[in-house]
PDB file of N, CA and C in Angstrom:
ATOM      1  N   MET A   1       1.003 -15.648  18.234  1.00  0.00           N
ATOM      2  CA  MET A   1       0.763 -15.036  16.954  1.00  0.00           C
ATOM      3  C   MET A   1       2.096 -14.928  16.224  1.00  0.00           C
ATOM      4  N   LYS A   2       2.469 -15.966  15.639  1.00  0.00           N
ATOM      5  CA  LYS A   2       3.735 -16.088  14.953  1.00  0.00           C
ATOM      6  C   LYS A   2       3.863 -15.101  13.795  1.00  0.00           C
ATOM      7  N   ASN A   3       5.028 -14.476  13.680  1.00  0.00           N
ATOM      8  CA  ASN A   3       5.369 -13.560  12.586  1.00  0.00           C
ATOM      9  C   ASN A   3       4.517 -12.296  12.533  1.00  0.00           C
ATOM     10  N   HIS A   4       3.909 -11.903  13.629  1.00  0.00           N
ATOM     11  CA  HIS A   4       3.146 -10.662  13.654  1.00  0.00           C
ATOM     12  C   HIS A   4       4.001  -9.569  14.274  1.00  0.00           C
ATOM     13  N   THR A   5       3.844  -8.364  13.809  1.00  0.00           N
ATOM     14  CA  THR A   5       4.578  -7.233  14.342  1.00  0.00           C
ATOM     15  C   THR A   5       3.621  -6.159  14.806  1.00  0.00           C
ATOM     16  N   LYS A   6       4.155  -5.167  15.545  1.00  0.00           N
ATOM     17  CA  LYS A   6       3.319  -4.080  16.042  1.00  0.00           C
ATOM     18  C   LYS A   6       2.729  -3.253  14.906  1.00  0.00           C
ATOM     19  N   ASP A   7       3.383  -3.220  13.766  1.00  0.00           N
ATOM     20  CA  ASP A   7       2.911  -2.392  12.652  1.00  0.00           C
ATOM     21  C   ASP A   7       1.984  -3.129  11.697  1.00  0.00           C
ATOM     22  N   ASP A   8       1.505  -4.310  12.100  1.00  0.00           N
ATOM     23  CA  ASP A   8       0.535  -5.013  11.263  1.00  0.00           C
ATOM     24  C   ASP A   8      -0.673  -4.125  11.020  1.00  0.00           C
ATOM     25  N   LYS A   9      -1.166  -4.143   9.816  1.00  0.00           N
ATOM     26  CA  LYS A   9      -2.351  -3.371   9.450  1.00  0.00           C
ATOM     27  C   LYS A   9      -3.588  -4.173   9.862  1.00  0.00           C
ATOM     28  N   THR A  10      -4.616  -3.482  10.330  1.00  0.00           N
ATOM     29  CA  THR A  10      -5.856  -4.152  10.720  1.00  0.00           C
ATOM     30  C   THR A  10      -7.002  -3.663   9.845  1.00  0.00           C
ATOM     31  N   SER A  11      -7.949  -4.552   9.599  1.00  0.00           N
ATOM     32  CA  SER A  11      -9.110  -4.246   8.764  1.00  0.00           C
ATOM     33  C   SER A  11     -10.376  -4.669   9.482  1.00  0.00           C
ATOM     34  N   VAL A  12     -11.484  -4.033   9.110  1.00  0.00           N
ATOM     35  CA  VAL A  12     -12.786  -4.449   9.615  1.00  0.00           C
ATOM     36  C   VAL A  12     -13.216  -5.662   8.800  1.00  0.00           C
ATOM     37  N   ASN A  13     -13.560  -6.745   9.507  1.00  0.00           N
ATOM     38  CA  ASN A  13     -13.891  -8.001   8.842  1.00  0.00           C
ATOM     39  C   ASN A  13     -15.225  -8.548   9.325  1.00  0.00           C
ATOM     40  N   ILE A  14     -15.822  -9.381   8.492  1.00  0.00           N
ATOM     41  CA  ILE A  14     -16.989 -10.173   8.861  1.00  0.00           C
ATOM     42  C   ILE A  14     -16.503 -11.618   8.903  1.00  0.00           C
ATOM     43  N   ILE A  15     -16.688 -12.267  10.043  1.00  0.00           N
ATOM     44  CA  ILE A  15     -16.209 -13.635  10.237  1.00  0.00           C
ATOM     45  C   ILE A  15     -17.420 -14.536  10.393  1.00  0.00           C
ATOM     46  N   THR A  16     -17.495 -15.562   9.554  1.00  0.00           N
ATOM     47  CA  THR A  16     -18.597 -16.517   9.627  1.00  0.00           C
ATOM     48  C   THR A  16     -18.035 -17.915   9.802  1.00  0.00           C
ATOM     49  N   SER A  17     -18.887 -18.830  10.148  1.00  0.00           N
ATOM     50  CA  SER A  17     -18.494 -20.207  10.347  1.00  0.00           C
ATOM     51  C   SER A  17     -18.351 -20.895   9.004  1.00  0.00           C
ATOM     52  N   PRO A  18     -17.444 -21.745   8.766  1.00  0.00           N
ATOM     53  CA  PRO A  18     -16.320 -22.143   9.606  1.00  0.00           C
ATOM     54  C   PRO A  18     -15.070 -21.292   9.311  1.00  0.00           C
ATOM     55  N   ASN A  19     -14.857 -20.275  10.085  1.00  0.00           N
ATOM     56  CA  ASN A  19     -13.682 -19.393  10.010  1.00  0.00           C
ATOM     57  C   ASN A  19     -13.471 -18.741   8.652  1.00  0.00           C
ATOM     58  N   GLU A  20     -14.543 -18.341   7.999  1.00  0.00           N
ATOM     59  CA  GLU A  20     -14.428 -17.592   6.749  1.00  0.00           C
ATOM     60  C   GLU A  20     -14.333 -16.116   7.100  1.00  0.00           C
ATOM     61  N   ILE A  21     -13.285 -15.456   6.627  1.00  0.00           N
ATOM     62  CA  ILE A  21     -13.058 -14.049   6.932  1.00  0.00           C
ATOM     63  C   ILE A  21     -13.179 -13.245   5.654  1.00  0.00           C
ATOM     64  N   LYS A  22     -14.080 -12.256   5.675  1.00  0.00           N
ATOM     65  CA  LYS A  22     -14.268 -11.376   4.522  1.00  0.00           C
ATOM     66  C   LYS A  22     -14.030  -9.942   4.966  1.00  0.00           C
ATOM     67  N   ALA A  23     -13.155  -9.240   4.269  1.00  0.00           N
ATOM     68  CA  ALA A  23     -12.880  -7.843   4.592  1.00  0.00           C
ATOM     69  C   ALA A  23     -14.042  -6.968   4.152  1.00  0.00           C
ATOM     70  N   VAL A  24     -14.406  -5.989   4.976  1.00  0.00           N
ATOM     71  CA  VAL A  24     -15.484  -5.066   4.642  1.00  0.00           C
ATOM     72  C   VAL A  24     -15.006  -4.060   3.604  1.00  0.00           C
ATOM     73  N   SER A  25     -13.732  -3.656   3.688  1.00  0.00           N
ATOM     74  CA  SER A  25     -13.171  -2.726   2.707  1.00  0.00           C
ATOM     75  C   SER A  25     -11.830  -3.257   2.218  1.00  0.00           C
ATOM     76  N   ASP A  26     -11.361  -2.703   1.118  1.00  0.00           N
ATOM     77  CA  ASP A  26     -10.097  -3.140   0.541  1.00  0.00           C
ATOM     78  C   ASP A  26      -8.890  -2.560   1.265  1.00  0.00           C
ATOM     79  N   LYS A  27      -9.085  -1.466   2.003  1.00  0.00           N
ATOM     80  CA  LYS A  27      -7.973  -0.783   2.648  1.00  0.00           C
ATOM     81  C   LYS A  27      -7.979  -1.033   4.156  1.00  0.00           C
ATOM     82  N   PRO A  28      -6.793  -1.189   4.757  1.00  0.00           N
ATOM     83  CA  PRO A  28      -6.704  -1.308   6.216  1.00  0.00           C
ATOM     84  C   PRO A  28      -7.190  -0.021   6.885  1.00  0.00           C
ATOM     85  N   VAL A  29      -7.710  -0.146   8.107  1.00  0.00           N
ATOM     86  CA  VAL A  29      -8.218   1.021   8.827  1.00  0.00           C
ATOM     87  C   VAL A  29      -7.297   1.466   9.958  1.00  0.00           C
ATOM     88  N   GLY A  30      -6.266   0.706  10.258  1.00  0.00           N
ATOM     89  CA  GLY A  30      -5.355   1.083  11.333  1.00  0.00           C
ATOM     90  C   GLY A  30      -4.163   0.161  11.422  1.00  0.00           C
ATOM     91  N   THR A  31      -3.343   0.407  12.443  1.00  0.00           N
ATOM     92  CA  THR A  31      -2.193  -0.449  12.711  1.00  0.00           C
ATOM     93  C   THR A  31      -2.266  -0.958  14.143  1.00  0.00           C
ATOM     94  N   ALA A  32      -1.683  -2.103  14.370  1.00  0.00           N
ATOM     95  CA  ALA A  32      -1.746  -2.731  15.683  1.00  0.00           C
ATOM     96  C   ALA A  32      -1.001  -1.935  16.747  1.00  0.00           C
ATOM     97  N   SER A  33      -0.046  -1.110  16.367  1.00  0.00           N
ATOM     98  CA  SER A  33       0.707  -0.341  17.356  1.00  0.00           C
ATOM     99  C   SER A  33      -0.053   0.889  17.848  1.00  0.00           C
ATOM    100  N   LYS A  34      -1.010   1.402  17.072  1.00  0.00           N
ATOM    101  CA  LYS A  34      -1.692   2.649  17.414  1.00  0.00           C
ATOM    102  C   LYS A  34      -3.183   2.485  17.698  1.00  0.00           C
ATOM    103  N   ASP A  35      -3.813   1.509  17.111  1.00  0.00           N
ATOM    104  CA  ASP A  35      -5.265   1.381  17.166  1.00  0.00           C
ATOM    105  C   ASP A  35      -5.681   0.102  17.886  1.00  0.00           C
ATOM    106  N   PRO A  36      -6.819   0.142  18.601  1.00  0.00           N
ATOM    107  CA  PRO A  36      -7.304  -1.079  19.263  1.00  0.00           C
ATOM    108  C   PRO A  36      -7.714  -2.129  18.231  1.00  0.00           C
ATOM    109  N   PHE A  37      -7.614  -3.390  18.633  1.00  0.00           N
ATOM    110  CA  PHE A  37      -7.992  -4.505  17.765  1.00  0.00           C
ATOM    111  C   PHE A  37      -8.400  -5.680  18.627  1.00  0.00           C
ATOM    112  N   CYS A  38      -9.050  -6.660  18.030  1.00  0.00           N
ATOM    113  CA  CYS A  38      -9.422  -7.904  18.692  1.00  0.00           C
ATOM    114  C   CYS A  38      -8.742  -9.053  17.967  1.00  0.00           C
ATOM    115  N   VAL A  39      -8.501 -10.135  18.693  1.00  0.00           N
ATOM    116  CA  VAL A  39      -7.852 -11.302  18.102  1.00  0.00           C
ATOM    117  C   VAL A  39      -8.877 -12.421  17.966  1.00  0.00           C
ATOM    118  N   TYR A  40      -8.911 -13.022  16.805  1.00  0.00           N
ATOM    119  CA  TYR A  40      -9.751 -14.195  16.556  1.00  0.00           C
ATOM    120  C   TYR A  40      -9.034 -15.047  15.521  1.00  0.00           C
ATOM    121  N   GLY A  41      -8.904 -16.316  15.782  1.00  0.00           N
ATOM    122  CA  GLY A  41      -8.242 -17.217  14.844  1.00  0.00           C
ATOM    123  C   GLY A  41      -6.793 -16.833  14.604  1.00  0.00           C
ATOM    124  N   HIS A  42      -6.107 -16.351  15.645  1.00  0.00           N
ATOM    125  CA  HIS A  42      -4.711 -15.937  15.578  1.00  0.00           C
ATOM    126  C   HIS A  42      -4.481 -14.783  14.608  1.00  0.00           C
ATOM    127  N   LYS A  43      -5.522 -13.989  14.340  1.00  0.00           N
ATOM    128  CA  LYS A  43      -5.415 -12.833  13.459  1.00  0.00           C
ATOM    129  C   LYS A  43      -5.989 -11.617  14.156  1.00  0.00           C
ATOM    130  N   ARG A  44      -5.493 -10.447  13.791  1.00  0.00           N
ATOM    131  CA  ARG A  44      -5.961  -9.191  14.363  1.00  0.00           C
ATOM    132  C   ARG A  44      -7.066  -8.604  13.493  1.00  0.00           C
ATOM    133  N   HIS A  45      -8.131  -8.146  14.160  1.00  0.00           N
ATOM    134  CA  HIS A  45      -9.289  -7.579  13.475  1.00  0.00           C
ATOM    135  C   HIS A  45      -9.593  -6.217  14.080  1.00  0.00           C
ATOM    136  N   ALA A  46      -9.852  -5.223  13.245  1.00  0.00           N
ATOM    137  CA  ALA A  46     -10.099  -3.859  13.695  1.00  0.00           C
ATOM    138  C   ALA A  46     -11.437  -3.734  14.416  1.00  0.00           C
ATOM    139  N   VAL A  47     -11.570  -2.656  15.183  1.00  0.00           N
ATOM    140  CA  VAL A  47     -12.818  -2.336  15.870  1.00  0.00           C
ATOM    141  C   VAL A  47     -13.943  -2.256  14.837  1.00  0.00           C
ATOM    142  N   GLY A  48     -15.051  -2.875  15.157  1.00  0.00           N
ATOM    143  CA  GLY A  48     -16.188  -2.920  14.234  1.00  0.00           C
ATOM    144  C   GLY A  48     -16.309  -4.245  13.511  1.00  0.00           C
ATOM    145  N   SER A  49     -15.280  -5.084  13.604  1.00  0.00           N
ATOM    146  CA  SER A  49     -15.355  -6.411  12.998  1.00  0.00           C
ATOM    147  C   SER A  49     -16.435  -7.219  13.698  1.00  0.00           C
ATOM    148  N   LYS A  50     -17.081  -8.116  12.958  1.00  0.00           N
ATOM    149  CA  LYS A  50     -18.174  -8.917  13.515  1.00  0.00           C
ATOM    150  C   LYS A  50     -17.926 -10.400  13.305  1.00  0.00           C
ATOM    151  N   ILE A  51     -18.308 -11.166  14.312  1.00  0.00           N
ATOM    152  CA  ILE A  51     -18.379 -12.621  14.191  1.00  0.00           C
ATOM    153  C   ILE A  51     -19.858 -12.953  14.119  1.00  0.00           C
ATOM    154  N   ILE A  52     -20.276 -13.616  13.061  1.00  0.00           N
ATOM    155  CA  ILE A  52     -21.667 -14.053  12.936  1.00  0.00           C
ATOM    156  C   ILE A  52     -21.697 -15.536  13.274  1.00  0.00           C
ATOM    157  N   ASN A  53     -22.314 -15.843  14.405  1.00  0.00           N
ATOM    158  CA  ASN A  53     -22.366 -17.213  14.910  1.00  0.00           C
ATOM    159  C   ASN A  53     -23.392 -18.043  14.139  1.00  0.00           C
ATOM    160  N   GLU A  54     -23.282 -19.352  14.278  1.00  0.00           N
ATOM    161  CA  GLU A  54     -24.184 -20.256  13.557  1.00  0.00           C
ATOM    162  C   GLU A  54     -25.650 -20.020  13.899  1.00  0.00           C
ATOM    163  N   ASP A  55     -25.930 -19.556  15.123  1.00  0.00           N
ATOM    164  CA  ASP A  55     -27.317 -19.319  15.526  1.00  0.00           C
ATOM    165  C   ASP A  55     -27.824 -17.938  15.092  1.00  0.00           C
ATOM    166  N   GLY A  56     -26.985 -17.189  14.367  1.00  0.00           N
ATOM    167  CA  GLY A  56     -27.378 -15.880  13.865  1.00  0.00           C
ATOM    168  C   GLY A  56     -27.011 -14.725  14.772  1.00  0.00           C
ATOM    169  N   SER A  57     -26.569 -15.011  15.990  1.00  0.00           N
ATOM    170  CA  SER A  57     -26.163 -13.936  16.900  1.00  0.00           C
ATOM    171  C   SER A  57     -24.826 -13.343  16.428  1.00  0.00           C
ATOM    172  N   GLU A  58     -24.572 -12.104  16.854  1.00  0.00           N
ATOM    173  CA  GLU A  58     -23.358 -11.410  16.422  1.00  0.00           C
ATOM    174  C   GLU A  58     -22.515 -11.006  17.626  1.00  0.00           C
ATOM    175  N   THR A  59     -21.210 -11.063  17.431  1.00  0.00           N
ATOM    176  CA  THR A  59     -20.244 -10.598  18.411  1.00  0.00           C
ATOM    177  C   THR A  59     -19.400  -9.551  17.708  1.00  0.00           C
ATOM    178  N   VAL A  60     -19.213  -8.377  18.345  1.00  0.00           N
ATOM    179  CA  VAL A  60     -18.542  -7.248  17.703  1.00  0.00           C
ATOM    180  C   VAL A  60     -17.281  -6.880  18.470  1.00  0.00           C
ATOM    181  N   CYS A  61     -16.236  -6.519  17.750  1.00  0.00           N
ATOM    182  CA  CYS A  61     -14.992  -6.027  18.347  1.00  0.00           C
ATOM    183  C   CYS A  61     -15.225  -4.584  18.797  1.00  0.00           C
ATOM    184  N   ASN A  62     -15.005  -4.304  20.098  1.00  0.00           N
ATOM    185  CA  ASN A  62     -15.238  -2.952  20.605  1.00  0.00           C
ATOM    186  C   ASN A  62     -13.931  -2.177  20.797  1.00  0.00           C
ATOM    187  N   LYS A  63     -14.032  -0.903  21.152  1.00  0.00           N
ATOM    188  CA  LYS A  63     -12.854  -0.034  21.228  1.00  0.00           C
ATOM    189  C   LYS A  63     -11.926  -0.369  22.389  1.00  0.00           C
ATOM    190  N   GLU A  64     -12.357  -1.247  23.307  1.00  0.00           N
ATOM    191  CA  GLU A  64     -11.483  -1.708  24.378  1.00  0.00           C
ATOM    192  C   GLU A  64     -10.636  -2.900  23.938  1.00  0.00           C
ATOM    193  N   GLY A  65     -10.881  -3.384  22.727  1.00  0.00           N
ATOM    194  CA  GLY A  65     -10.119  -4.512  22.208  1.00  0.00           C
ATOM    195  C   GLY A  65     -10.638  -5.864  22.651  1.00  0.00           C
ATOM    196  N   SER A  66     -11.922  -5.950  22.940  1.00  0.00           N
ATOM    197  CA  SER A  66     -12.520  -7.219  23.317  1.00  0.00           C
ATOM    198  C   SER A  66     -13.788  -7.471  22.507  1.00  0.00           C
ATOM    199  N   TRP A  67     -14.170  -8.732  22.441  1.00  0.00           N
ATOM    200  CA  TRP A  67     -15.381  -9.102  21.714  1.00  0.00           C
ATOM    201  C   TRP A  67     -16.577  -8.957  22.621  1.00  0.00           C
ATOM    202  N   GLN A  68     -17.664  -8.372  22.120  1.00  0.00           N
ATOM    203  CA  GLN A  68     -18.864  -8.149  22.917  1.00  0.00           C
ATOM    204  C   GLN A  68     -20.086  -8.611  22.132  1.00  0.00           C
ATOM    205  N   ASN A  69     -20.983  -9.332  22.807  1.00  0.00           N
ATOM    206  CA  ASN A  69     -22.229  -9.758  22.164  1.00  0.00           C
ATOM    207  C   ASN A  69     -23.082  -8.539  21.875  1.00  0.00           C
ATOM    208  N   SER A  70     -23.722  -8.551  20.710  1.00  0.00           N
ATOM    209  CA  SER A  70     -24.560  -7.396  20.361  1.00  0.00           C
ATOM    210  C   SER A  70     -26.032  -7.754  20.364  1.00  0.00           C
TER     211      SER A  70
END
């Protein structure tokens, strides 16, 4: 993760194919040094972020910092 720091701000995002990322809100919800996050596409995403797969299934970032099928 080139050029990333511990103080990077994280946001809740909706990720769809092909790698389209849309922020749920305009403001960040946390920082990488204090709050859990998940990594997708070399970017940090806050807890609650969702990946919507092509088949319609969803994967959600959980508070342990991992992606979980919902």
